[in-house]
Amino acid sequence: MRYLLLIYSEESTAAPDPAEAEQVMNEYWAYTNAITQAGASSGGEALQDSKTATTVRVKGGERVVTDGPFAETREVLGGYYLIDVPDLDAAIDWAAKCPGAKYGSVEVRPIMEFDSAS
């Protein structure tokens, strides 16, 4: 079953300490290697800062485009992993191993599977 691990954390406005940033990135590289070697990874990416986001809505048939994320929150979506594992328990195990769980939270969402129309 496929799950999306959504990584949320507080977005800092200050420049990161280079040594700390390197340590965190090394944790993510190790996690990425582990999840890939286990055959559970179906992909994943880090996202640019939320200030680069654009939100689109359609109101009254008109497109409304707003700079920035949809909602003002302390924690923002910073990246994701798409995994394919046997069940929710396995997905939760991988989420708990994700470095993002130490620095924020990791939301586990099952992927909706649709029957293909033939």
C-alpha atoms as a PDB file:
ATOM      1  CA  MET A   1       0.000   0.000   0.000  1.00  0.00           C
ATOM      2  CA  ARG A   2       1.262   3.456  -0.836  1.00  0.00           C
ATOM      3  CA  TYR A   3       1.552   6.235   1.750  1.00  0.00           C
ATOM      4  CA  LEU A   4       2.726   9.822   1.596  1.00  0.00           C
ATOM      5  CA  LEU A   5       4.916  10.969   4.485  1.00  0.00           C
ATOM      6  CA  LEU A   6       4.427  14.739   4.714  1.00  0.00           C
ATOM      7  CA  ILE A   7       7.219  16.474   6.631  1.00  0.00           C
ATOM      8  CA  TYR A   8       6.239  19.594   8.584  1.00  0.00           C
ATOM      9  CA  SER A   9       8.553  21.846  10.574  1.00  0.00           C
ATOM     10  CA  GLU A  10       8.938  25.433  11.663  1.00  0.00           C
ATOM     11  CA  GLU A  11      10.396  27.614   8.968  1.00  0.00           C
ATOM     12  CA  SER A  12      13.284  29.735  10.180  1.00  0.00           C
ATOM     13  CA  THR A  13      13.896  33.267   8.952  1.00  0.00           C
ATOM     14  CA  ALA A  14      17.490  33.224  10.207  1.00  0.00           C
ATOM     15  CA  ALA A  15      20.359  31.761   8.243  1.00  0.00           C
ATOM     16  CA  PRO A  16      20.985  28.196   9.447  1.00  0.00           C
ATOM     17  CA  ASP A  17      24.163  27.337  11.293  1.00  0.00           C
ATOM     18  CA  PRO A  18      26.250  25.571   8.605  1.00  0.00           C
ATOM     19  CA  ALA A  19      27.367  22.740  10.909  1.00  0.00           C
ATOM     20  CA  GLU A  20      23.814  22.113  12.127  1.00  0.00           C
ATOM     21  CA  ALA A  21      22.428  22.244   8.570  1.00  0.00           C
ATOM     22  CA  GLU A  22      25.052  19.716   7.446  1.00  0.00           C
ATOM     23  CA  GLN A  23      24.178  17.397  10.354  1.00  0.00           C
ATOM     24  CA  VAL A  24      20.454  17.511   9.509  1.00  0.00           C
ATOM     25  CA  MET A  25      21.108  16.923   5.812  1.00  0.00           C
ATOM     26  CA  ASN A  26      23.345  13.957   6.646  1.00  0.00           C
ATOM     27  CA  GLU A  27      20.475  12.502   8.698  1.00  0.00           C
ATOM     28  CA  TYR A  28      18.140  12.912   5.710  1.00  0.00           C
ATOM     29  CA  TRP A  29      20.667  11.336   3.300  1.00  0.00           C
ATOM     30  CA  ALA A  30      21.016   8.337   5.637  1.00  0.00           C
ATOM     31  CA  TYR A  31      17.227   8.032   5.956  1.00  0.00           C
ATOM     32  CA  THR A  32      16.783   8.281   2.179  1.00  0.00           C
ATOM     33  CA  ASN A  33      19.410   5.570   1.655  1.00  0.00           C
ATOM     34  CA  ALA A  34      17.770   3.304   4.269  1.00  0.00           C
ATOM     35  CA  ILE A  35      14.269   3.653   2.848  1.00  0.00           C
ATOM     36  CA  THR A  36      15.572   3.120  -0.705  1.00  0.00           C
ATOM     37  CA  GLN A  37      17.660   0.065   0.219  1.00  0.00           C
ATOM     38  CA  ALA A  38      14.614  -1.413   1.997  1.00  0.00           C
ATOM     39  CA  GLY A  39      12.703  -1.146  -1.290  1.00  0.00           C
ATOM     40  CA  ALA A  40      10.035   1.051   0.324  1.00  0.00           C
ATOM     41  CA  SER A  41      10.783   4.323  -1.467  1.00  0.00           C
ATOM     42  CA  SER A  42       8.706   5.389  -4.449  1.00  0.00           C
ATOM     43  CA  GLY A  43      10.108   8.922  -4.472  1.00  0.00           C
ATOM     44  CA  GLY A  44      10.329  12.106  -2.487  1.00  0.00           C
ATOM     45  CA  GLU A  45      11.494  15.675  -2.657  1.00  0.00           C
ATOM     46  CA  ALA A  46      12.314  18.652  -0.473  1.00  0.00           C
ATOM     47  CA  LEU A  47      10.293  21.782  -1.131  1.00  0.00           C
ATOM     48  CA  GLN A  48      11.484  25.371  -1.399  1.00  0.00           C
ATOM     49  CA  ASP A  49      10.510  27.803   1.387  1.00  0.00           C
ATOM     50  CA  SER A  50       6.809  28.544   1.796  1.00  0.00           C
ATOM     51  CA  LYS A  51       7.423  32.138   0.669  1.00  0.00           C
ATOM     52  CA  THR A  52       7.845  30.708  -2.855  1.00  0.00           C
ATOM     53  CA  ALA A  53       4.366  29.118  -2.736  1.00  0.00           C
ATOM     54  CA  THR A  54       1.422  30.287  -4.812  1.00  0.00           C
ATOM     55  CA  THR A  55      -2.136  29.442  -3.800  1.00  0.00           C
ATOM     56  CA  VAL A  56      -4.878  29.175  -6.429  1.00  0.00           C
ATOM     57  CA  ARG A  57      -8.613  29.244  -5.751  1.00  0.00           C
ATOM     58  CA  VAL A  58     -11.636  29.627  -8.025  1.00  0.00           C
ATOM     59  CA  LYS A  59     -14.344  31.862  -6.546  1.00  0.00           C
ATOM     60  CA  GLY A  60     -17.476  32.672  -8.515  1.00  0.00           C
ATOM     61  CA  GLY A  61     -15.876  31.183 -11.610  1.00  0.00           C
ATOM     62  CA  GLU A  62     -12.879  33.539 -11.338  1.00  0.00           C
ATOM     63  CA  ARG A  63      -9.340  32.426 -10.679  1.00  0.00           C
ATOM     64  CA  VAL A  64      -7.801  34.026  -7.578  1.00  0.00           C
ATOM     65  CA  VAL A  65      -4.043  33.718  -7.216  1.00  0.00           C
ATOM     66  CA  THR A  66      -2.352  34.562  -3.916  1.00  0.00           C
ATOM     67  CA  ASP A  67       1.339  34.640  -3.117  1.00  0.00           C
ATOM     68  CA  GLY A  68       2.277  32.345  -0.272  1.00  0.00           C
ATOM     69  CA  PRO A  69       0.850  29.241   1.336  1.00  0.00           C
ATOM     70  CA  PHE A  70      -2.849  28.625   1.918  1.00  0.00           C
ATOM     71  CA  ALA A  71      -2.779  29.094   5.694  1.00  0.00           C
ATOM     72  CA  GLU A  72      -0.634  30.905   8.227  1.00  0.00           C
ATOM     73  CA  THR A  73       0.792  28.259  10.528  1.00  0.00           C
ATOM     74  CA  ARG A  74       3.946  27.756  12.549  1.00  0.00           C
ATOM     75  CA  GLU A  75       4.789  24.508  10.814  1.00  0.00           C
ATOM     76  CA  VAL A  76       4.948  24.343   7.029  1.00  0.00           C
ATOM     77  CA  LEU A  77       5.218  21.472   4.587  1.00  0.00           C
ATOM     78  CA  GLY A  78       8.897  21.083   3.788  1.00  0.00           C
ATOM     79  CA  GLY A  79       9.001  17.872   1.797  1.00  0.00           C
ATOM     80  CA  TYR A  80       7.638  14.399   1.372  1.00  0.00           C
ATOM     81  CA  TYR A  81       8.445  10.752   0.796  1.00  0.00           C
ATOM     82  CA  LEU A  82       6.185   8.469  -1.219  1.00  0.00           C
ATOM     83  CA  ILE A  83       6.525   4.962   0.164  1.00  0.00           C
ATOM     84  CA  ASP A  84       5.083   1.568  -0.723  1.00  0.00           C
ATOM     85  CA  VAL A  85       4.805  -0.665   2.332  1.00  0.00           C
ATOM     86  CA  PRO A  86       2.517  -3.524   3.452  1.00  0.00           C
ATOM     87  CA  ASP A  87       0.373  -1.558   5.920  1.00  0.00           C
ATOM     88  CA  LEU A  88      -0.133   1.515   8.107  1.00  0.00           C
ATOM     89  CA  ASP A  89       2.062   0.113  10.881  1.00  0.00           C
ATOM     90  CA  ALA A  90       5.009  -0.109   8.477  1.00  0.00           C
ATOM     91  CA  ALA A  91       4.321   3.435   7.243  1.00  0.00           C
ATOM     92  CA  ILE A  92       4.260   4.702  10.834  1.00  0.00           C
ATOM     93  CA  ASP A  93       7.561   2.927  11.520  1.00  0.00           C
ATOM     94  CA  TRP A  94       9.180   4.726   8.559  1.00  0.00           C
ATOM     95  CA  ALA A  95       7.634   8.056   9.626  1.00  0.00           C
ATOM     96  CA  ALA A  96       9.110   7.652  13.114  1.00  0.00           C
ATOM     97  CA  LYS A  97      12.569   7.068  11.590  1.00  0.00           C
ATOM     98  CA  CYS A  98      12.342  10.218   9.436  1.00  0.00           C
ATOM     99  CA  PRO A  99      14.549  13.052  10.739  1.00  0.00           C
ATOM    100  CA  GLY A 100      11.569  15.391  10.297  1.00  0.00           C
ATOM    101  CA  ALA A 101       9.829  13.665  13.199  1.00  0.00           C
ATOM    102  CA  LYS A 102      12.572  15.029  15.508  1.00  0.00           C
ATOM    103  CA  TYR A 103      12.349  18.588  14.203  1.00  0.00           C
ATOM    104  CA  GLY A 104       8.599  18.863  13.590  1.00  0.00           C
ATOM    105  CA  SER A 105       6.059  16.260  12.561  1.00  0.00           C
ATOM    106  CA  VAL A 106       5.481  13.699   9.835  1.00  0.00           C
ATOM    107  CA  GLU A 107       1.913  13.187   8.664  1.00  0.00           C
ATOM    108  CA  VAL A 108       1.149   9.734   7.237  1.00  0.00           C
ATOM    109  CA  ARG A 109      -1.508   9.764   4.521  1.00  0.00           C
ATOM    110  CA  PRO A 110      -2.651   6.742   2.518  1.00  0.00           C
ATOM    111  CA  ILE A 111      -2.753   7.246  -1.239  1.00  0.00           C
ATOM    112  CA  MET A 112      -6.254   6.934  -2.692  1.00  0.00           C
ATOM    113  CA  GLU A 113      -6.334   4.047  -5.127  1.00  0.00           C
ATOM    114  CA  PHE A 114      -8.927   4.187  -7.915  1.00  0.00           C
ATOM    115  CA  ASP A 115     -10.024   1.352 -10.137  1.00  0.00           C
ATOM    116  CA  SER A 116      -8.959   2.132 -13.666  1.00  0.00           C
ATOM    117  CA  ALA A 117     -11.828   2.458 -16.112  1.00  0.00           C
ATOM    118  CA  SER A 118     -11.421   0.018 -18.959  1.00  0.00           C
END
